[in-house]
């Protein structure tokens, strides 16, 4: 017996795009965690640099914003 597979009216790349978004979200999670650790290490360092910490925090905020958009949150 042959199984009927319903075809959707969308190009094949649509599915690939969804997988890419999932992967992007996972990679962002990892990079956000690493950035948080870098900030913490710098804050706790005797060579703490306020400008460097500020730049890392801005980068972290940008990554978190992208992650929200990738996941569809507002």
Protein backbone atom coordinates (compact mmCIF):
# COMPACT_ATOMS: atom_id res chain seq x y z
CA UNK A 1 0.00 0.00 0.00
CA UNK A 2 1.39 3.38 -0.98
CA UNK A 3 1.39 6.10 1.67
CA UNK A 4 -0.09 9.43 0.60
CA UNK A 5 2.19 12.37 1.36
CA UNK A 6 0.51 15.74 1.36
CA UNK A 7 2.46 18.35 -0.55
CA UNK A 8 2.52 21.92 0.69
CA UNK A 9 2.60 24.79 -1.77
CA UNK A 10 5.99 26.11 -0.76
CA UNK A 11 9.46 25.77 -2.13
CA UNK A 12 11.78 23.22 -0.55
CA UNK A 13 14.00 25.99 0.82
CA UNK A 14 11.21 27.00 3.25
CA UNK A 15 11.91 23.93 5.39
CA UNK A 16 15.65 24.52 5.20
CA UNK A 17 15.13 28.10 6.36
CA UNK A 18 13.28 26.87 9.45
CA UNK A 19 16.09 24.48 10.28
CA UNK A 20 18.60 27.27 9.84
CA UNK A 21 16.65 29.45 12.28
CA UNK A 22 16.67 26.66 14.86
CA UNK A 23 20.41 26.22 14.42
CA UNK A 24 20.96 29.98 14.61
CA UNK A 25 19.03 30.11 17.88
CA UNK A 26 21.14 27.31 19.35
CA UNK A 27 24.38 28.93 18.25
CA UNK A 28 23.24 32.26 19.69
CA UNK A 29 22.46 30.56 23.02
CA UNK A 30 26.01 29.24 23.15
CA UNK A 31 27.60 32.56 22.18
CA UNK A 32 25.43 34.50 24.65
CA UNK A 33 26.51 32.20 27.46
CA UNK A 34 30.16 32.59 26.47
CA UNK A 35 29.80 36.38 26.31
CA UNK A 36 28.21 36.45 29.77
CA UNK A 37 31.19 34.48 31.09
CA UNK A 38 33.65 36.89 29.42
CA UNK A 39 31.88 39.86 30.98
CA UNK A 40 31.85 38.22 34.41
CA UNK A 41 35.55 37.38 34.15
CA UNK A 42 36.41 40.92 33.10
CA UNK A 43 34.29 42.47 35.87
CA UNK A 44 36.02 40.27 38.44
CA UNK A 45 39.47 40.92 36.98
CA UNK A 46 42.00 43.23 38.62
CA UNK A 47 42.55 44.66 35.13
CA UNK A 48 38.87 45.55 34.75
CA UNK A 49 38.29 48.01 31.89
CA UNK A 50 34.97 49.89 31.96
CA UNK A 51 35.02 50.65 28.22
CA UNK A 52 35.67 47.01 27.31
CA UNK A 53 32.90 45.84 29.66
CA UNK A 54 30.49 48.38 28.16
CA UNK A 55 31.28 47.18 24.61
CA UNK A 56 30.78 43.54 25.62
CA UNK A 57 27.46 44.36 27.29
CA UNK A 58 26.28 46.16 24.13
CA UNK A 59 27.32 43.16 22.05
CA UNK A 60 25.48 40.86 24.45
CA UNK A 61 22.32 42.99 24.24
CA UNK A 62 22.48 42.90 20.43
CA UNK A 63 22.85 39.11 20.42
CA UNK A 64 19.91 38.73 22.80
CA UNK A 65 17.82 40.98 20.55
CA UNK A 66 18.66 38.87 17.51
CA UNK A 67 17.85 35.69 19.44
CA UNK A 68 14.41 37.09 20.33
CA UNK A 69 13.75 37.89 16.66
CA UNK A 70 14.94 34.45 15.54
CA UNK A 71 12.57 32.81 18.01
CA UNK A 72 9.69 35.08 17.01
CA UNK A 73 9.33 36.82 20.38
CA UNK A 74 8.60 40.50 20.53
